[in-house]
């Protein structure tokens, strides 16, 4: 199948398929006489696997380890287990950071006094106050 057909079947953009190919996650396909990429059925299964991993917010390096296990059958799955365990640890860290952020925003919202016209909102005033280092907003919860 051609790249557009493959992308549509995998539920991805053509540029995403090209990116995974350039990243080495998807092997380079054969080319037809017209120089168009011609993908085998296995490419669709591999792209769906990659898509499922990305939906779990796995990094490309993590996906490479998992694909290496697929490409080298017979190996034990300890490397796969390690990747998932480490990823789960990262997810738990991000959840904890988000919970701290939620608490901070809740406290901030509670500082609103519904100011009258001409007065600053309590939230704006609270954001301008100096904060101890241990109460700094959680960072890095949007991406890894």
Protein backbone atom coordinates (compact mmCIF):
# COMPACT_ATOMS: atom_id res chain seq x y z
CA UNK A 1 0.00 0.00 0.00
CA UNK A 2 1.08 3.60 -0.52
CA UNK A 3 1.92 5.96 2.31
CA UNK A 4 -1.46 7.77 2.22
CA UNK A 5 -3.34 4.48 2.46
CA UNK A 6 -1.08 3.27 5.27
CA UNK A 7 -1.46 6.50 7.21
CA UNK A 8 -5.24 6.45 6.86
CA UNK A 9 -5.45 2.79 7.91
CA UNK A 10 -3.30 3.54 10.97
CA UNK A 11 -5.24 6.70 11.82
CA UNK A 12 -2.16 8.90 11.41
CA UNK A 13 -1.01 11.74 9.21
CA UNK A 14 1.35 11.01 6.33
CA UNK A 15 3.95 13.25 8.02
CA UNK A 16 3.74 11.12 11.17
CA UNK A 17 4.46 7.98 9.14
CA UNK A 18 7.43 9.72 7.53
CA UNK A 19 8.65 10.85 10.94
CA UNK A 20 8.53 7.29 12.33
CA UNK A 21 10.37 6.10 9.24
CA UNK A 22 13.08 8.78 9.65
CA UNK A 23 13.30 7.93 13.36
CA UNK A 24 14.01 4.29 12.52
CA UNK A 25 10.85 2.97 14.19
CA UNK A 26 9.36 2.00 10.84
CA UNK A 27 11.70 0.33 8.36
CA UNK A 28 12.15 2.08 5.04
CA UNK A 29 9.76 0.54 2.52
CA UNK A 30 10.46 -0.71 -0.94
CA UNK A 31 9.97 1.81 -3.73
CA UNK A 32 7.94 1.24 -6.86
CA UNK A 33 9.01 2.16 -10.39
CA UNK A 34 7.42 5.57 -9.78
CA UNK A 35 9.58 5.96 -6.61
CA UNK A 36 6.48 5.86 -4.40
CA UNK A 37 6.81 4.09 -1.09
CA UNK A 38 5.19 0.62 -1.13
CA UNK A 39 4.45 -0.73 2.36
CA UNK A 40 3.77 -4.33 3.28
CA UNK A 41 0.89 -5.34 5.60
CA UNK A 42 3.35 -5.68 8.51
CA UNK A 43 3.96 -1.93 8.38
CA UNK A 44 0.36 -1.27 9.37
CA UNK A 45 0.61 -3.59 12.37
CA UNK A 46 3.87 -1.91 13.40
CA UNK A 47 2.37 1.58 13.06
CA UNK A 48 -0.62 0.58 15.16
CA UNK A 49 1.78 -0.76 17.80
CA UNK A 50 3.71 2.52 17.74
CA UNK A 51 0.45 4.48 17.93
CA UNK A 52 -0.68 2.47 20.95
CA UNK A 53 2.65 3.15 22.68
CA UNK A 54 2.41 6.87 21.91
CA UNK A 55 -1.15 6.89 23.28
CA UNK A 56 0.42 5.65 26.53
CA UNK A 57 2.84 8.60 26.27
CA UNK A 58 5.87 6.39 25.73
CA UNK A 59 8.97 8.05 24.32
CA UNK A 60 10.53 7.02 21.03
CA UNK A 61 13.44 5.45 22.92
CA UNK A 62 11.04 3.38 25.02
CA UNK A 63 9.25 2.27 21.86
CA UNK A 64 12.58 1.28 20.29
CA UNK A 65 13.23 -1.13 23.16
CA UNK A 66 9.80 -2.69 22.72
CA UNK A 67 10.24 -2.96 18.96
CA UNK A 68 13.64 -4.59 19.47
CA UNK A 69 11.86 -7.29 21.43
CA UNK A 70 9.42 -7.80 18.53
CA UNK A 71 12.24 -7.79 15.98
CA UNK A 72 14.35 -10.24 17.98
CA UNK A 73 11.89 -12.89 19.14
CA UNK A 74 13.11 -15.38 21.65
CA UNK A 75 14.68 -12.81 23.93
CA UNK A 76 13.36 -12.65 27.45
CA UNK A 77 11.00 -9.85 28.25
CA UNK A 78 12.96 -8.32 31.13
CA UNK A 79 13.91 -5.29 29.01
CA UNK A 80 10.26 -4.77 28.10
CA UNK A 81 9.23 -5.07 31.74
CA UNK A 82 11.94 -2.59 32.74
CA UNK A 83 10.74 -0.05 30.17
CA UNK A 84 7.13 -0.31 31.34
CA UNK A 85 8.11 -0.19 35.02
CA UNK A 86 10.24 2.94 34.47
CA UNK A 87 7.51 4.55 32.39
CA UNK A 88 4.97 3.81 35.10
CA UNK A 89 7.31 5.47 37.60
CA UNK A 90 7.47 8.59 35.39
CA UNK A 91 3.69 8.65 35.10
CA UNK A 92 3.32 8.39 38.87
CA UNK A 93 5.79 11.27 39.33
CA UNK A 94 3.80 13.41 36.91
CA UNK A 95 0.55 12.54 38.66
CA UNK A 96 2.06 13.59 42.00
CA UNK A 97 3.27 16.86 40.44
CA UNK A 98 -0.18 17.46 39.00
CA UNK A 99 -1.76 16.85 42.40
CA UNK A 100 0.54 19.48 43.93
CA UNK A 101 -0.36 21.84 41.11
CA UNK A 102 -4.07 21.16 41.71
CA UNK A 103 -3.69 22.00 45.40
CA UNK A 104 -1.81 25.20 44.61
CA UNK A 105 -4.43 26.32 42.10
CA UNK A 106 -7.22 25.50 44.53
CA UNK A 107 -5.56 27.61 47.23
CA UNK A 108 -5.03 30.36 44.73
CA UNK A 109 -8.67 30.29 43.69
CA UNK A 110 -9.69 30.51 47.35
CA UNK A 111 -7.77 33.80 47.60
CA UNK A 112 -10.26 35.47 45.28
CA UNK A 113 -12.26 38.05 47.22
CA UNK A 114 -14.35 39.19 44.23
CA UNK A 115 -12.76 42.61 44.18
CA UNK A 116 -14.77 45.68 43.43
CA UNK A 117 -14.01 47.70 40.29
CA UNK A 118 -10.68 49.44 40.66
CA UNK A 119 -9.28 46.84 43.12
CA UNK A 120 -6.94 44.03 42.23
CA UNK A 121 -8.30 40.52 42.39
CA UNK A 122 -7.08 38.44 45.33
CA UNK A 123 -5.71 35.85 42.89
CA UNK A 124 -3.57 38.48 41.16
CA UNK A 125 -2.36 39.76 44.53
CA UNK A 126 -1.52 36.22 45.69
CA UNK A 127 0.42 35.54 42.50
CA UNK A 128 2.51 38.64 43.16
CA UNK A 129 3.52 37.58 46.67
CA UNK A 130 6.92 36.04 47.30
CA UNK A 131 6.66 32.29 47.80
CA UNK A 132 9.02 29.95 49.61
CA UNK A 133 11.00 27.63 47.33
CA UNK A 134 9.17 24.55 48.58
CA UNK A 135 5.83 26.03 47.48
CA UNK A 136 6.97 26.77 43.93
CA UNK A 137 4.51 25.60 41.27
CA UNK A 138 5.04 22.11 39.93
CA UNK A 139 6.95 22.17 36.67
CA UNK A 140 7.29 19.75 33.81
CA UNK A 141 3.85 18.22 34.02
CA UNK A 142 2.90 19.11 30.46
CA UNK A 143 5.49 16.97 28.70
CA UNK A 144 8.56 14.86 29.21
